Amino acid sequence: MNDGRPPPRITIACPVYNEETVVPLFFARTLPVIEQLSAHYRVELLFLNNASTDGTYTEICKLRAQYDFVYVITLSANVGYQRSLECGLRNAQGDVVAFIDVDCEDPPEMLLDFVAYYEKGFDIVYGARVDREEARPVKTLRKFFYHVVRLLADEDIILYMAEFSLLTSEVRDAIVNDHNSFPFIRASISRVGYRRIGLPYKRQRRIAGKTNYNLVGMTIFAIAGILSSTTLPLRLPIYALPLWLFLTAILGSAYILTQSPWLLLLNWLCGCTYFGFTAAFTALYVARSYKNGLGRPNYVVNRQYTHAQRSVAPS
């Protein structure tokens, strides 16, 4: 501070989709945090507007009219939560980038703790969701998902980590080197390494509005996240081949001895199951590789409704 250089910059990136009623409440709760951080940092609040169809953009513009540290990038279409985060990573200009949802399920006050650990030398500080206020079956499925992803992943996966986190610009640059048609940011954060720490907390209920997640959406996200984290389904047919050949030989021998049509049917079903799963998983990964090879942008910025400090990256 005393050498004449400007203070470091923190960009707080907040993905939003149809959060008209939530944005003012979130800002009122986050403003005291920003004011405390502003004593030592230049703080920017960057809303990532995922083509909201309600008055979300209008509410953000009201804040912009009062506070010069508020910015917004609006996407031309709803591309999903993960791609919206990718847009934030590619366009955030801060020396430090923090992600937080506006529903306040992740407490804005924890950003102060994130920054405190960043000042201790950590490159990645994240909230570890050890508990949350939701139905026990859903909670159990979430924990099951975390453990399955970690078990199957080709590389390190951090348990109970989501996208509520703080990253240095060096970590951000490492993550955006990925070009994936389905980005899975939490896996990318785990993969790049660096010095990191998780701060346990209980996730709260949203402060207003309705969630955009449902069971179907969470299931699709879980499957896509697993496919983005592991190549085990591609290798599994090789591992299962000896077992399948042994089972086929046993059933075939039993059919020759007994001439039972049920054994023949069972052998046929085992073969169809093996080749069916092999073809299905191969098709999924080929499709993903094909989309990656096209090199299409994961998002397009609607510049008419974008107010960013610098030129934003189109993809």
Foldseek 3Di string as FASTA:
>chain_A
DVVPDAAFEEEEEEEDAQCQVLVVVLCVQQVVVCVVCVVRYHYAYEYQYQQHPDCNLVVQVVVCVVDVRYWYWYFPHRLDDQLSVLLCLQFDPGQKYFYDYSLCLPPSNCVVVQVVVVVVPFFKEFAQAPAEPDDPVVVVVLQVLQVVLCVAFPAHADGRTQRGMMGGNVLSVQLNVDQFLDDRVRLSSRHVDTGYDYDYDHGYGGPDDDDPDDPVNVVVVSVVSSLVGHPVLQVVLVVCVVVLVVLLVVLVVVCVVVVDVVSVVVNVVSVCVSVVSNVVSVVVVVVRVVVSVVSDRSTATPVVSTGDPDDGDGD
